[in-house]
Amino acid sequence: DVRNIIESAREMLDWSHMLDVVAATKPRF
């Protein structure tokens, strides 16, 4: 799931930020 872990596609421009996001994300299963 990418749609529900960021509020804007422009967040994808920031590599370090996206690593922090996926590190904190809960899996869907």
PDB file of all heavy atoms in Angstrom:
ATOM      1  N   ASP A   1       0.828  -1.210   0.000  1.00  0.00           N
ATOM      2  CA  ASP A   1       0.000   0.000   0.000  1.00  0.00           C
ATOM      3  C   ASP A   1       0.863   1.261   0.000  1.00  0.00           C
ATOM      4  O   ASP A   1       1.610   1.507   0.938  1.00  0.00           O
ATOM      5  CB  ASP A   1      -0.905  -0.021   1.234  1.00  0.00           C
ATOM      6  CG  ASP A   1      -1.919   1.111   1.261  1.00  0.00           C
ATOM      7  OD1 ASP A   1      -1.840   2.016   0.403  1.00  0.00           O
ATOM      8  OD2 ASP A   1      -2.795   1.094   2.146  1.00  0.00           O
ATOM      9  N   VAL A   2       0.774   2.051  -1.052  1.00  0.00           N
ATOM     10  CA  VAL A   2       1.440   3.358  -1.078  1.00  0.00           C
ATOM     11  C   VAL A   2       0.421   4.483  -0.894  1.00  0.00           C
ATOM     12  O   VAL A   2       0.739   5.539  -0.360  1.00  0.00           O
ATOM     13  CB  VAL A   2       2.243   3.563  -2.382  1.00  0.00           C
ATOM     14  CG1 VAL A   2       1.321   3.689  -3.601  1.00  0.00           C
ATOM     15  CG2 VAL A   2       3.159   4.767  -2.285  1.00  0.00           C
ATOM     16  N   ARG A   3      -0.804   4.250  -1.304  1.00  0.00           N
ATOM     17  CA  ARG A   3      -1.814   5.304  -1.312  1.00  0.00           C
ATOM     18  C   ARG A   3      -2.138   5.825   0.085  1.00  0.00           C
ATOM     19  O   ARG A   3      -2.424   7.021   0.260  1.00  0.00           O
ATOM     20  CB  ARG A   3      -3.087   4.787  -1.982  1.00  0.00           C
ATOM     21  CG  ARG A   3      -4.118   5.868  -2.259  1.00  0.00           C
ATOM     22  CD  ARG A   3      -5.237   5.367  -3.146  1.00  0.00           C
ATOM     23  NE  ARG A   3      -6.196   6.421  -3.442  1.00  0.00           N
ATOM     24  CZ  ARG A   3      -6.045   7.343  -4.383  1.00  0.00           C
ATOM     25  NH1 ARG A   3      -4.957   7.348  -5.130  1.00  0.00           N
ATOM     26  NH2 ARG A   3      -6.962   8.263  -4.594  1.00  0.00           N
ATOM     27  N   ASN A   4      -2.067   4.950   1.075  1.00  0.00           N
ATOM     28  CA  ASN A   4      -2.477   5.336   2.422  1.00  0.00           C
ATOM     29  C   ASN A   4      -1.316   5.612   3.367  1.00  0.00           C
ATOM     30  O   ASN A   4      -1.533   5.833   4.558  1.00  0.00           O
ATOM     31  CB  ASN A   4      -3.382   4.251   3.007  1.00  0.00           C
ATOM     32  CG  ASN A   4      -4.678   4.116   2.224  1.00  0.00           C
ATOM     33  OD1 ASN A   4      -5.460   5.051   2.134  1.00  0.00           O
ATOM     34  ND2 ASN A   4      -4.888   2.947   1.620  1.00  0.00           N
ATOM     35  N   ILE A   5      -0.091   5.636   2.838  1.00  0.00           N
ATOM     36  CA  ILE A   5       1.057   5.899   3.719  1.00  0.00           C
ATOM     37  C   ILE A   5       1.679   7.273   3.460  1.00  0.00           C
ATOM     38  O   ILE A   5       2.493   7.731   4.256  1.00  0.00           O
ATOM     39  CB  ILE A   5       2.133   4.796   3.624  1.00  0.00           C
ATOM     40  CG1 ILE A   5       2.778   4.748   2.244  1.00  0.00           C
ATOM     41  CG2 ILE A   5       1.545   3.434   3.994  1.00  0.00           C
ATOM     42  CD1 ILE A   5       3.985   3.795   2.169  1.00  0.00           C
ATOM     43  N   ILE A   6       1.304   7.905   2.338  1.00  0.00           N
ATOM     44  CA  ILE A   6       1.736   9.286   2.082  1.00  0.00           C
ATOM     45  C   ILE A   6       0.526  10.108   1.640  1.00  0.00           C
ATOM     46  O   ILE A   6      -0.430   9.568   1.090  1.00  0.00           O
ATOM     47  CB  ILE A   6       2.861   9.374   1.024  1.00  0.00           C
ATOM     48  CG1 ILE A   6       2.467   8.677  -0.284  1.00  0.00           C
ATOM     49  CG2 ILE A   6       4.162   8.810   1.576  1.00  0.00           C
ATOM     50  CD1 ILE A   6       3.493   8.823  -1.394  1.00  0.00           C
ATOM     51  N   GLU A   7       0.590  11.404   1.869  1.00  0.00           N
ATOM     52  CA  GLU A   7      -0.527  12.293   1.535  1.00  0.00           C
ATOM     53  C   GLU A   7      -0.403  12.880   0.137  1.00  0.00           C
ATOM     54  O   GLU A   7      -1.375  13.324  -0.439  1.00  0.00           O
ATOM     55  CB  GLU A   7      -0.622  13.426   2.566  1.00  0.00           C
ATOM     56  CG  GLU A   7      -1.083  12.967   3.937  1.00  0.00           C
ATOM     57  CD  GLU A   7      -2.419  12.235   3.874  1.00  0.00           C
ATOM     58  OE1 GLU A   7      -3.357  12.755   3.222  1.00  0.00           O
ATOM     59  OE2 GLU A   7      -2.521  11.143   4.455  1.00  0.00           O
ATOM     60  N   SER A   8       0.816  12.885  -0.405  1.00  0.00           N
ATOM     61  CA  SER A   8       1.036  13.459  -1.731  1.00  0.00           C
ATOM     62  C   SER A   8       2.132  12.687  -2.458  1.00  0.00           C
ATOM     63  O   SER A   8       3.153  12.314  -1.849  1.00  0.00           O
ATOM     64  CB  SER A   8       1.450  14.928  -1.623  1.00  0.00           C
ATOM     65  OG  SER A   8       1.945  15.403  -2.865  1.00  0.00           O
ATOM     66  N   ALA A   9       1.931  12.478  -3.756  1.00  0.00           N
ATOM     67  CA  ALA A   9       2.945  11.801  -4.566  1.00  0.00           C
ATOM     68  C   ALA A   9       4.276  12.541  -4.538  1.00  0.00           C
ATOM     69  O   ALA A   9       5.336  11.927  -4.725  1.00  0.00           O
ATOM     70  CB  ALA A   9       2.453  11.661  -6.004  1.00  0.00           C
ATOM     71  N   ARG A  10       4.241  13.829  -4.283  1.00  0.00           N
ATOM     72  CA  ARG A  10       5.484  14.602  -4.263  1.00  0.00           C
ATOM     73  C   ARG A  10       6.408  14.199  -3.106  1.00  0.00           C
ATOM     74  O   ARG A  10       7.615  14.480  -3.155  1.00  0.00           O
ATOM     75  CB  ARG A  10       5.178  16.107  -4.206  1.00  0.00           C
ATOM     76  CG  ARG A  10       4.506  16.617  -5.482  1.00  0.00           C
ATOM     77  CD  ARG A  10       4.435  18.146  -5.497  1.00  0.00           C
ATOM     78  NE  ARG A  10       5.753  18.763  -5.437  1.00  0.00           N
ATOM     79  CZ  ARG A  10       6.584  18.877  -6.459  1.00  0.00           C
ATOM     80  NH1 ARG A  10       6.252  18.394  -7.648  1.00  0.00           N
ATOM     81  NH2 ARG A  10       7.756  19.455  -6.303  1.00  0.00           N
ATOM     82  N   GLU A  11       5.877  13.531  -2.113  1.00  0.00           N
ATOM     83  CA  GLU A  11       6.729  13.008  -1.038  1.00  0.00           C
ATOM     84  C   GLU A  11       7.730  11.988  -1.581  1.00  0.00           C
ATOM     85  O   GLU A  11       8.794  11.775  -0.982  1.00  0.00           O
ATOM     86  CB  GLU A  11       5.871  12.378   0.063  1.00  0.00           C
ATOM     87  CG  GLU A  11       5.020  13.371   0.836  1.00  0.00           C
ATOM     88  CD  GLU A  11       4.168  12.706   1.899  1.00  0.00           C
ATOM     89  OE1 GLU A  11       4.721  11.930   2.712  1.00  0.00           O
ATOM     90  OE2 GLU A  11       2.938  12.944   1.914  1.00  0.00           O
ATOM     91  N   MET A  12       7.393  11.357  -2.714  1.00  0.00           N
ATOM     92  CA  MET A  12       8.283  10.353  -3.299  1.00  0.00           C
ATOM     93  C   MET A  12       9.594  10.952  -3.792  1.00  0.00           C
ATOM     94  O   MET A  12      10.558  10.228  -4.045  1.00  0.00           O
ATOM     95  CB  MET A  12       7.588   9.624  -4.452  1.00  0.00           C
ATOM     96  CG  MET A  12       6.341   8.866  -4.055  1.00  0.00           C
ATOM     97  SD  MET A  12       5.709   7.756  -5.352  1.00  0.00           S
ATOM     98  CE  MET A  12       5.320   8.908  -6.670  1.00  0.00           C
ATOM     99  N   LEU A  13       9.654  12.275  -3.934  1.00  0.00           N
ATOM    100  CA  LEU A  13      10.880  12.941  -4.369  1.00  0.00           C
ATOM    101  C   LEU A  13      11.975  12.891  -3.305  1.00  0.00           C
ATOM    102  O   LEU A  13      13.144  13.108  -3.606  1.00  0.00           O
ATOM    103  CB  LEU A  13      10.586  14.404  -4.732  1.00  0.00           C
ATOM    104  CG  LEU A  13       9.649  14.638  -5.930  1.00  0.00           C
ATOM    105  CD1 LEU A  13       9.235  16.095  -6.000  1.00  0.00           C
ATOM    106  CD2 LEU A  13      10.323  14.201  -7.227  1.00  0.00           C
ATOM    107  N   ASP A  14      11.587  12.615  -2.063  1.00  0.00           N
ATOM    108  CA  ASP A  14      12.524  12.645  -0.926  1.00  0.00           C
ATOM    109  C   ASP A  14      12.839  11.218  -0.482  1.00  0.00           C
ATOM    110  O   ASP A  14      12.055  10.580   0.229  1.00  0.00           O
ATOM    111  CB  ASP A  14      11.901  13.450   0.220  1.00  0.00           C
ATOM    112  CG  ASP A  14      12.861  13.682   1.381  1.00  0.00           C
ATOM    113  OD1 ASP A  14      13.827  12.901   1.543  1.00  0.00           O
ATOM    114  OD2 ASP A  14      12.635  14.648   2.143  1.00  0.00           O
ATOM    115  N   TRP A  15      13.983  10.703  -0.898  1.00  0.00           N
ATOM    116  CA  TRP A  15      14.391   9.321  -0.615  1.00  0.00           C
ATOM    117  C   TRP A  15      14.442   9.040   0.892  1.00  0.00           C
ATOM    118  O   TRP A  15      13.860   8.048   1.360  1.00  0.00           O
ATOM    119  CB  TRP A  15      15.741   9.065  -1.265  1.00  0.00           C
ATOM    120  CG  TRP A  15      16.431   7.787  -0.910  1.00  0.00           C
ATOM    121  CD1 TRP A  15      17.530   7.636  -0.105  1.00  0.00           C
ATOM    122  CD2 TRP A  15      16.097   6.458  -1.357  1.00  0.00           C
ATOM    123  NE1 TRP A  15      17.900   6.307  -0.026  1.00  0.00           N
ATOM    124  CE2 TRP A  15      17.037   5.569  -0.789  1.00  0.00           C
ATOM    125  CE3 TRP A  15      15.093   5.949  -2.179  1.00  0.00           C
ATOM    126  CZ2 TRP A  15      17.003   4.193  -1.019  1.00  0.00           C
ATOM    127  CZ3 TRP A  15      15.060   4.576  -2.405  1.00  0.00           C
ATOM    128  CH2 TRP A  15      16.005   3.711  -1.823  1.00  0.00           C
ATOM    129  N   SER A  16      15.124   9.881   1.649  1.00  0.00           N
ATOM    130  CA  SER A  16      15.269   9.640   3.091  1.00  0.00           C
ATOM    131  C   SER A  16      13.912   9.631   3.786  1.00  0.00           C
ATOM    132  O   SER A  16      13.656   8.790   4.669  1.00  0.00           O
ATOM    133  CB  SER A  16      16.168  10.711   3.729  1.00  0.00           C
ATOM    134  OG  SER A  16      17.464  10.646   3.205  1.00  0.00           O
ATOM    135  N   HIS A  17      13.054  10.551   3.389  1.00  0.00           N
ATOM    136  CA  HIS A  17      11.707  10.604   3.963  1.00  0.00           C
ATOM    137  C   HIS A  17      10.945   9.314   3.685  1.00  0.00           C
ATOM    138  O   HIS A  17      10.292   8.761   4.588  1.00  0.00           O
ATOM    139  CB  HIS A  17      10.952  11.802   3.379  1.00  0.00           C
ATOM    140  CG  HIS A  17       9.477  11.792   3.646  1.00  0.00           C
ATOM    141  ND1 HIS A  17       8.945  11.925   4.911  1.00  0.00           N
ATOM    142  CD2 HIS A  17       8.408  11.629   2.794  1.00  0.00           C
ATOM    143  CE1 HIS A  17       7.625  11.873   4.844  1.00  0.00           C
ATOM    144  NE2 HIS A  17       7.270  11.682   3.578  1.00  0.00           N
ATOM    145  N   MET A  18      11.036   8.795   2.458  1.00  0.00           N
ATOM    146  CA  MET A  18      10.299   7.580   2.111  1.00  0.00           C
ATOM    147  C   MET A  18      10.838   6.363   2.864  1.00  0.00           C
ATOM    148  O   MET A  18      10.070   5.451   3.197  1.00  0.00           O
ATOM    149  CB  MET A  18      10.315   7.347   0.608  1.00  0.00           C
ATOM    150  CG  MET A  18       9.491   8.357  -0.188  1.00  0.00           C
ATOM    151  SD  MET A  18       7.787   8.585   0.405  1.00  0.00           S
ATOM    152  CE  MET A  18       7.154   6.906   0.293  1.00  0.00           C
ATOM    153  N   LEU A  19      12.137   6.336   3.140  1.00  0.00           N
ATOM    154  CA  LEU A  19      12.679   5.236   3.955  1.00  0.00           C
ATOM    155  C   LEU A  19      12.099   5.298   5.364  1.00  0.00           C
ATOM    156  O   LEU A  19      11.750   4.255   5.952  1.00  0.00           O
ATOM    157  CB  LEU A  19      14.209   5.302   4.008  1.00  0.00           C
ATOM    158  CG  LEU A  19      14.971   5.099   2.697  1.00  0.00           C
ATOM    159  CD1 LEU A  19      16.460   4.900   2.991  1.00  0.00           C
ATOM    160  CD2 LEU A  19      14.437   3.922   1.892  1.00  0.00           C
ATOM    161  N   ASP A  20      11.973   6.492   5.909  1.00  0.00           N
ATOM    162  CA  ASP A  20      11.367   6.643   7.239  1.00  0.00           C
ATOM    163  C   ASP A  20       9.899   6.205   7.210  1.00  0.00           C
ATOM    164  O   ASP A  20       9.416   5.557   8.150  1.00  0.00           O
ATOM    165  CB  ASP A  20      11.454   8.101   7.702  1.00  0.00           C
ATOM    166  CG  ASP A  20      12.872   8.547   8.012  1.00  0.00           C
ATOM    167  OD1 ASP A  20      13.744   7.675   8.217  1.00  0.00           O
ATOM    168  OD2 ASP A  20      13.113   9.770   8.032  1.00  0.00           O
ATOM    169  N   VAL A  21       9.201   6.553   6.130  1.00  0.00           N
ATOM    170  CA  VAL A  21       7.787   6.198   6.010  1.00  0.00           C
ATOM    171  C   VAL A  21       7.607   4.684   5.992  1.00  0.00           C
ATOM    172  O   VAL A  21       6.775   4.131   6.737  1.00  0.00           O
ATOM    173  CB  VAL A  21       7.162   6.834   4.739  1.00  0.00           C
ATOM    174  CG1 VAL A  21       5.785   6.233   4.459  1.00  0.00           C
ATOM    175  CG2 VAL A  21       7.047   8.342   4.902  1.00  0.00           C
ATOM    176  N   VAL A  22       8.360   3.973   5.151  1.00  0.00           N
ATOM    177  CA  VAL A  22       8.165   2.513   5.068  1.00  0.00           C
ATOM    178  C   VAL A  22       8.643   1.825   6.344  1.00  0.00           C
ATOM    179  O   VAL A  22       8.070   0.799   6.747  1.00  0.00           O
ATOM    180  CB  VAL A  22       8.836   1.886   3.818  1.00  0.00           C
ATOM    181  CG1 VAL A  22       8.205   2.413   2.549  1.00  0.00           C
ATOM    182  CG2 VAL A  22      10.329   2.070   3.815  1.00  0.00           C
ATOM    183  N   ALA A  23       9.646   2.383   7.002  1.00  0.00           N
ATOM    184  CA  ALA A  23      10.108   1.793   8.266  1.00  0.00           C
ATOM    185  C   ALA A  23       9.012   1.842   9.325  1.00  0.00           C
ATOM    186  O   ALA A  23       8.922   0.949  10.178  1.00  0.00           O
ATOM    187  CB  ALA A  23      11.361   2.507   8.760  1.00  0.00           C
ATOM    188  N   ALA A  24       8.171   2.868   9.274  1.00  0.00           N
ATOM    189  CA  ALA A  24       7.112   3.040  10.275  1.00  0.00           C
ATOM    190  C   ALA A  24       5.777   2.422   9.871  1.00  0.00           C
ATOM    191  O   ALA A  24       4.848   2.367  10.684  1.00  0.00           O
ATOM    192  CB  ALA A  24       6.912   4.529  10.543  1.00  0.00           C
ATOM    193  N   THR A  25       5.673   1.924   8.632  1.00  0.00           N
ATOM    194  CA  THR A  25       4.392   1.446   8.103  1.00  0.00           C
ATOM    195  C   THR A  25       4.020   0.066   8.642  1.00  0.00           C
ATOM    196  O   THR A  25       4.879  -0.797   8.825  1.00  0.00           O
ATOM    197  CB  THR A  25       4.453   1.395   6.553  1.00  0.00           C
ATOM    198  OG1 THR A  25       4.593   2.735   6.065  1.00  0.00           O
ATOM    199  CG2 THR A  25       3.211   0.768   5.960  1.00  0.00           C
ATOM    200  N   LYS A  26       2.731  -0.120   8.858  1.00  0.00           N
ATOM    201  CA  LYS A  26       2.198  -1.425   9.257  1.00  0.00           C
ATOM    202  C   LYS A  26       1.778  -2.198   8.013  1.00  0.00           C
ATOM    203  O   LYS A  26       1.050  -1.675   7.165  1.00  0.00           O
ATOM    204  CB  LYS A  26       0.990  -1.244  10.177  1.00  0.00           C
ATOM    205  CG  LYS A  26       0.412  -2.562  10.687  1.00  0.00           C
ATOM    206  CD  LYS A  26      -0.761  -2.317  11.632  1.00  0.00           C
ATOM    207  CE  LYS A  26      -1.319  -3.650  12.154  1.00  0.00           C
ATOM    208  NZ  LYS A  26      -2.432  -3.436  13.096  1.00  0.00           N
ATOM    209  N   PRO A  27       2.205  -3.462   7.856  1.00  0.00           N
ATOM    210  CA  PRO A  27       1.805  -4.255   6.686  1.00  0.00           C
ATOM    211  C   PRO A  27       0.293  -4.497   6.666  1.00  0.00           C
ATOM    212  O   PRO A  27      -0.355  -4.539   7.712  1.00  0.00           O
ATOM    213  CB  PRO A  27       2.557  -5.574   6.861  1.00  0.00           C
ATOM    214  CG  PRO A  27       3.561  -5.338   7.929  1.00  0.00           C
ATOM    215  CD  PRO A  27       3.068  -4.225   8.768  1.00  0.00           C
ATOM    216  N   ARG A  28      -0.241  -4.690   5.458  1.00  0.00           N
ATOM    217  CA  ARG A  28      -1.676  -4.978   5.321  1.00  0.00           C
ATOM    218  C   ARG A  28      -1.986  -6.429   5.683  1.00  0.00           C
ATOM    219  O   ARG A  28      -3.134  -6.772   5.974  1.00  0.00           O
ATOM    220  CB  ARG A  28      -2.119  -4.668   3.894  1.00  0.00           C
ATOM    221  CG  ARG A  28      -2.131  -3.183   3.559  1.00  0.00           C
ATOM    222  CD  ARG A  28      -3.453  -2.537   3.923  1.00  0.00           C
ATOM    223  NE  ARG A  28      -4.500  -2.961   3.013  1.00  0.00           N
ATOM    224  CZ  ARG A  28      -4.831  -2.332   1.885  1.00  0.00           C
ATOM    225  NH1 ARG A  28      -4.200  -1.217   1.544  1.00  0.00           N
ATOM    226  NH2 ARG A  28      -5.784  -2.792   1.108  1.00  0.00           N
ATOM    227  N   PHE A  29      -0.990  -7.305   5.613  1.00  0.00           N
ATOM    228  CA  PHE A  29      -1.124  -8.673   6.122  1.00  0.00           C
ATOM    229  C   PHE A  29       0.244  -9.124   6.620  1.00  0.00           C
ATOM    230  O   PHE A  29       1.272  -8.521   6.281  1.00  0.00           O
ATOM    231  CB  PHE A  29      -1.691  -9.632   5.059  1.00  0.00           C
ATOM    232  CG  PHE A  29      -0.929  -9.690   3.756  1.00  0.00           C
ATOM    233  CD1 PHE A  29       0.245 -10.437   3.642  1.00  0.00           C
ATOM    234  CD2 PHE A  29      -1.397  -9.015   2.642  1.00  0.00           C
ATOM    235  CE1 PHE A  29       0.932 -10.502   2.437  1.00  0.00           C
ATOM    236  CE2 PHE A  29      -0.719  -9.071   1.425  1.00  0.00           C
ATOM    237  CZ  PHE A  29       0.455  -9.827   1.328  1.00  0.00           C
TER     238      PHE A  29
END
